[in-house]
Structures are given as structure tokens and as C-alpha cells.
Amino acid sequence: MSNKLEKVYRSCRRHRRGAAAVEFAIVAPVFFLMILGMIELGRGVMVQQVITNASREGARLAVLPGTTTADVEERVDGVLEAAGINGATIEILDGAGNPLNPADAGYGEVINVTVSIPFDQVSWLPASKYLAGKTLTASTIMRGERIQ
């Protein structure tokens, strides 16, 4: 009896040669696309968090009396460089969206520090698929802490 089962088993195995290779060829592209997508989106979320923190640090410094534009840019660049991010655009704006020198801001005046960077500059993958051409931007708005 076991001899008959072995013959049937061998017969079935012979007809399934190459099935695993075909299944892998079908599944592999989808699998690798998902893995690369997770890497890309994970990097995007990580960089977004870093630039949000950098804009927050810059705004916190910008609202203090006597702070200059160079001081704010140096602080923001320091936070970004600690995370290995270079080439970000830093803008310091007033409430109307005009460029502002923090030293000229008055009491309670809105100071907006915006940090932005194209995702293509920070991607870990040579060719981004999902976030290609996108610009990651973070803004923090605080009011000046000057004496009235």
C-alpha cells in the first residue's frame, strides 16, 4: 500500500516542478514594491518630524529679544545637520507672510519660522516613486516676547 502512495506522490511532484519559481516571479515584484514603499514613506515621516522640530526650535529662539535672522538659521541648521539633513530652505515671516528680521519684531507680533526641503534631497532610495517631486514643509508660529 505504501508503495502505491509513493508512486502517486512522486507523480504529483513531477508535475509541480518549477511551480515555486513561477509563484515567486508573480509575488516578488509586488513584495519588493511594498518594501520600497514602506522605506520611502518611513523616511518621509522621519524627515517631516525632524523639520517640524527644527522649525519649532527656530521659532522658540526667534521670539526672544535680540535674536537675529542668522541666529535662527544657525539653530535650525544645527538641528537639521544633527539628523543628517542639509539644503533646507528657512524662512522667517511675519503674520502677513512678509520676510521678517526677528530683531525688528514688536511685542506680541507673529513670527512664523518655515522650514522646507524637497523630498528628492533626503530620500534614501535612488528613485522615489510615491514622494518624488514633493516638498516637505513645516511651520511654527509664535508671538514675540518683547517688552511693551
C-alpha atoms as a PDB file:
ATOM      1  CA  MET A   1       0.000   0.000   0.000  1.00  0.00           C
ATOM      2  CA  SER A   2       2.726   2.473   0.879  1.00  0.00           C
ATOM      3  CA  ASN A   3       4.433   1.694  -2.429  1.00  0.00           C
ATOM      4  CA  LYS A   4       1.327   2.893  -4.321  1.00  0.00           C
ATOM      5  CA  LEU A   5       1.232   6.109  -2.278  1.00  0.00           C
ATOM      6  CA  GLU A   6       4.881   6.784  -3.023  1.00  0.00           C
ATOM      7  CA  LYS A   7       4.246   6.408  -6.766  1.00  0.00           C
ATOM      8  CA  VAL A   8       1.315   8.840  -6.615  1.00  0.00           C
ATOM      9  CA  TYR A   9       3.366  11.276  -4.542  1.00  0.00           C
ATOM     10  CA  ARG A  10       6.286  11.167  -6.999  1.00  0.00           C
ATOM     11  CA  SER A  11       3.896  11.626  -9.918  1.00  0.00           C
ATOM     12  CA  CYS A  12       2.355  14.744  -8.333  1.00  0.00           C
ATOM     13  CA  ARG A  13       5.774  16.185  -7.513  1.00  0.00           C
ATOM     14  CA  ARG A  14       6.961  15.715 -11.098  1.00  0.00           C
ATOM     15  CA  HIS A  15       4.049  17.818 -12.420  1.00  0.00           C
ATOM     16  CA  ARG A  16       4.778  20.659  -9.939  1.00  0.00           C
ATOM     17  CA  ARG A  17       8.381  21.280 -10.993  1.00  0.00           C
ATOM     18  CA  GLY A  18       9.020  24.980 -11.332  1.00  0.00           C
ATOM     19  CA  ALA A  19       5.806  25.986  -9.543  1.00  0.00           C
ATOM     20  CA  ALA A  20       7.703  27.738  -6.772  1.00  0.00           C
ATOM     21  CA  ALA A  21       9.740  29.732  -9.286  1.00  0.00           C
ATOM     22  CA  VAL A  22       6.606  30.838 -11.118  1.00  0.00           C
ATOM     23  CA  GLU A  23       4.864  31.795  -7.867  1.00  0.00           C
ATOM     24  CA  PHE A  24       7.933  33.768  -6.772  1.00  0.00           C
ATOM     25  CA  ALA A  25       8.080  35.566 -10.124  1.00  0.00           C
ATOM     26  CA  ILE A  26       4.476  36.648  -9.653  1.00  0.00           C
ATOM     27  CA  VAL A  27       4.735  37.678  -5.997  1.00  0.00           C
ATOM     28  CA  ALA A  28       8.277  39.177  -5.885  1.00  0.00           C
ATOM     29  CA  PRO A  29       7.592  42.474  -7.738  1.00  0.00           C
ATOM     30  CA  VAL A  30       4.610  43.254  -5.521  1.00  0.00           C
ATOM     31  CA  PHE A  31       6.565  42.312  -2.406  1.00  0.00           C
ATOM     32  CA  PHE A  32       9.575  44.481  -3.301  1.00  0.00           C
ATOM     33  CA  LEU A  33       7.319  47.379  -4.301  1.00  0.00           C
ATOM     34  CA  MET A  34       5.688  47.219  -0.874  1.00  0.00           C
ATOM     35  CA  ILE A  35       9.054  47.080   0.919  1.00  0.00           C
ATOM     36  CA  LEU A  36      10.453  50.046  -1.018  1.00  0.00           C
ATOM     37  CA  GLY A  37       7.228  51.977  -0.441  1.00  0.00           C
ATOM     38  CA  MET A  38       7.482  51.393   3.302  1.00  0.00           C
ATOM     39  CA  ILE A  39      11.096  52.603   3.279  1.00  0.00           C
ATOM     40  CA  GLU A  40      10.187  55.723   1.317  1.00  0.00           C
ATOM     41  CA  LEU A  41       7.137  56.633   3.391  1.00  0.00           C
ATOM     42  CA  GLY A  42       9.002  55.898   6.623  1.00  0.00           C
ATOM     43  CA  ARG A  43      11.809  58.233   5.575  1.00  0.00           C
ATOM     44  CA  GLY A  44       9.248  60.883   4.635  1.00  0.00           C
ATOM     45  CA  VAL A  45       7.617  60.726   8.060  1.00  0.00           C
ATOM     46  CA  MET A  46      11.015  60.817   9.764  1.00  0.00           C
ATOM     47  CA  VAL A  47      12.198  63.886   7.817  1.00  0.00           C
ATOM     48  CA  GLN A  48       8.851  65.616   8.400  1.00  0.00           C
ATOM     49  CA  GLN A  49       9.272  65.134  12.141  1.00  0.00           C
ATOM     50  CA  VAL A  50      12.843  66.461  12.042  1.00  0.00           C
ATOM     51  CA  ILE A  51      11.925  69.607  10.103  1.00  0.00           C
ATOM     52  CA  THR A  52       8.939  70.185  12.399  1.00  0.00           C
ATOM     53  CA  ASN A  53      11.265  70.048  15.389  1.00  0.00           C
ATOM     54  CA  ALA A  54      13.764  72.341  13.617  1.00  0.00           C
ATOM     55  CA  SER A  55      11.076  74.942  12.865  1.00  0.00           C
ATOM     56  CA  ARG A  56       9.904  74.764  16.481  1.00  0.00           C
ATOM     57  CA  GLU A  57      13.443  75.318  17.757  1.00  0.00           C
ATOM     58  CA  GLY A  58      13.920  78.214  15.347  1.00  0.00           C
ATOM     59  CA  ALA A  59      10.638  79.860  16.325  1.00  0.00           C
ATOM     60  CA  ARG A  60      11.379  79.465  20.023  1.00  0.00           C
ATOM     61  CA  LEU A  61      14.646  81.323  19.512  1.00  0.00           C
ATOM     62  CA  ALA A  62      13.142  83.916  17.144  1.00  0.00           C
ATOM     63  CA  VAL A  63      10.614  85.178  19.709  1.00  0.00           C
ATOM     64  CA  LEU A  64      13.320  86.101  22.213  1.00  0.00           C
ATOM     65  CA  PRO A  65      14.579  89.709  22.347  1.00  0.00           C
ATOM     66  CA  GLY A  66      17.804  90.453  20.461  1.00  0.00           C
ATOM     67  CA  THR A  67      17.669  87.405  18.193  1.00  0.00           C
ATOM     68  CA  THR A  68      18.804  87.889  14.596  1.00  0.00           C
ATOM     69  CA  THR A  69      17.933  86.038  11.422  1.00  0.00           C
ATOM     70  CA  ALA A  70      21.411  84.465  11.403  1.00  0.00           C
ATOM     71  CA  ASP A  71      20.860  83.118  14.938  1.00  0.00           C
ATOM     72  CA  VAL A  72      17.605  81.443  13.925  1.00  0.00           C
ATOM     73  CA  GLU A  73      19.069  79.982  10.739  1.00  0.00           C
ATOM     74  CA  GLU A  74      22.069  78.668  12.669  1.00  0.00           C
ATOM     75  CA  ARG A  75      19.807  76.953  15.230  1.00  0.00           C
ATOM     76  CA  VAL A  76      17.596  75.395  12.560  1.00  0.00           C
ATOM     77  CA  ASP A  77      20.607  74.238  10.528  1.00  0.00           C
ATOM     78  CA  GLY A  78      22.124  72.732  13.677  1.00  0.00           C
ATOM     79  CA  VAL A  79      19.013  70.644  14.341  1.00  0.00           C
ATOM     80  CA  LEU A  80      18.842  69.525  10.721  1.00  0.00           C
ATOM     81  CA  GLU A  81      22.545  68.683  10.477  1.00  0.00           C
ATOM     82  CA  ALA A  82      22.307  66.574  13.643  1.00  0.00           C
ATOM     83  CA  ALA A  83      19.798  64.424  11.718  1.00  0.00           C
ATOM     84  CA  GLY A  84      21.916  64.394   8.552  1.00  0.00           C
ATOM     85  CA  ILE A  85      19.679  66.752   6.575  1.00  0.00           C
ATOM     86  CA  ASN A  86      21.249  69.520   4.500  1.00  0.00           C
ATOM     87  CA  GLY A  87      19.941  72.032   1.982  1.00  0.00           C
ATOM     88  CA  ALA A  88      16.692  73.067   3.634  1.00  0.00           C
ATOM     89  CA  THR A  89      15.091  76.437   2.940  1.00  0.00           C
ATOM     90  CA  ILE A  90      14.452  78.514   6.072  1.00  0.00           C
ATOM     91  CA  GLU A  91      12.042  81.449   6.031  1.00  0.00           C
ATOM     92  CA  ILE A  92      11.206  83.815   8.857  1.00  0.00           C
ATOM     93  CA  LEU A  93       7.941  85.599   8.151  1.00  0.00           C
ATOM     94  CA  ASP A  94       5.578  87.997   9.880  1.00  0.00           C
ATOM     95  CA  GLY A  95       1.820  87.464  10.236  1.00  0.00           C
ATOM     96  CA  ALA A  96       1.168  88.748   6.698  1.00  0.00           C
ATOM     97  CA  GLY A  97       3.713  86.386   5.136  1.00  0.00           C
ATOM     98  CA  ASN A  98       6.410  89.011   4.555  1.00  0.00           C
ATOM     99  CA  PRO A  99      10.083  88.359   5.381  1.00  0.00           C
ATOM    100  CA  LEU A 100      10.934  89.467   8.908  1.00  0.00           C
ATOM    101  CA  ASN A 101      14.089  90.061  10.895  1.00  0.00           C
ATOM    102  CA  PRO A 102      13.265  88.729  14.374  1.00  0.00           C
ATOM    103  CA  ALA A 103      15.180  91.613  15.977  1.00  0.00           C
ATOM    104  CA  ASP A 104      12.643  94.033  14.443  1.00  0.00           C
ATOM    105  CA  ALA A 105       9.551  92.187  15.700  1.00  0.00           C
ATOM    106  CA  GLY A 106       7.440  94.012  18.245  1.00  0.00           C
ATOM    107  CA  TYR A 107       5.670  92.805  21.378  1.00  0.00           C
ATOM    108  CA  GLY A 108       3.158  90.079  20.547  1.00  0.00           C
ATOM    109  CA  GLU A 109       3.934  90.191  16.838  1.00  0.00           C
ATOM    110  CA  VAL A 110       3.522  86.915  14.989  1.00  0.00           C
ATOM    111  CA  ILE A 111       6.766  85.239  13.975  1.00  0.00           C
ATOM    112  CA  ASN A 112       6.495  82.302  11.597  1.00  0.00           C
ATOM    113  CA  VAL A 113       9.510  80.049  11.001  1.00  0.00           C
ATOM    114  CA  THR A 114       9.055  77.787   7.982  1.00  0.00           C
ATOM    115  CA  VAL A 115      11.455  75.006   7.008  1.00  0.00           C
ATOM    116  CA  SER A 116      11.055  73.184   3.701  1.00  0.00           C
ATOM    117  CA  ILE A 117      13.076  70.671   1.718  1.00  0.00           C
ATOM    118  CA  PRO A 118      12.390  68.687  -1.464  1.00  0.00           C
ATOM    119  CA  PHE A 119      11.976  65.003  -0.657  1.00  0.00           C
ATOM    120  CA  ASP A 120      14.320  64.086  -3.509  1.00  0.00           C
ATOM    121  CA  GLN A 121      17.207  65.597  -1.480  1.00  0.00           C
ATOM    122  CA  VAL A 122      16.577  63.424   1.573  1.00  0.00           C
ATOM    123  CA  SER A 123      15.334  60.165   0.074  1.00  0.00           C
ATOM    124  CA  TRP A 124      17.290  57.015   0.854  1.00  0.00           C
ATOM    125  CA  LEU A 125      16.220  55.447  -2.425  1.00  0.00           C
ATOM    126  CA  PRO A 126      17.823  56.406  -5.750  1.00  0.00           C
ATOM    127  CA  ALA A 127      14.434  56.823  -7.430  1.00  0.00           C
ATOM    128  CA  SER A 128      11.440  57.829  -5.324  1.00  0.00           C
ATOM    129  CA  LYS A 129       8.100  56.589  -6.545  1.00  0.00           C
ATOM    130  CA  TYR A 130       5.494  57.916  -4.122  1.00  0.00           C
ATOM    131  CA  LEU A 131       7.019  61.145  -2.788  1.00  0.00           C
ATOM    132  CA  ALA A 132       9.048  62.164  -5.864  1.00  0.00           C
ATOM    133  CA  GLY A 133       8.699  65.864  -6.577  1.00  0.00           C
ATOM    134  CA  LYS A 134       7.053  66.589  -3.224  1.00  0.00           C
ATOM    135  CA  THR A 135       8.343  69.252  -0.857  1.00  0.00           C
ATOM    136  CA  LEU A 136       8.178  68.588   2.869  1.00  0.00           C
ATOM    137  CA  THR A 137       7.309  71.742   4.807  1.00  0.00           C
ATOM    138  CA  ALA A 138       6.904  72.551   8.486  1.00  0.00           C
ATOM    139  CA  SER A 139       5.881  75.871  10.058  1.00  0.00           C
ATOM    140  CA  THR A 140       5.800  77.052  13.626  1.00  0.00           C
ATOM    141  CA  ILE A 141       4.092  80.280  14.631  1.00  0.00           C
ATOM    142  CA  MET A 142       4.786  82.042  17.931  1.00  0.00           C
ATOM    143  CA  ARG A 143       4.342  85.560  19.242  1.00  0.00           C
ATOM    144  CA  GLY A 144       7.287  87.817  20.045  1.00  0.00           C
ATOM    145  CA  GLU A 145       8.265  88.022  23.724  1.00  0.00           C
ATOM    146  CA  ARG A 146       9.471  91.625  23.737  1.00  0.00           C
ATOM    147  CA  ILE A 147       8.896  94.151  26.465  1.00  0.00           C
ATOM    148  CA  GLN A 148       5.996  96.511  25.788  1.00  0.00           C
END
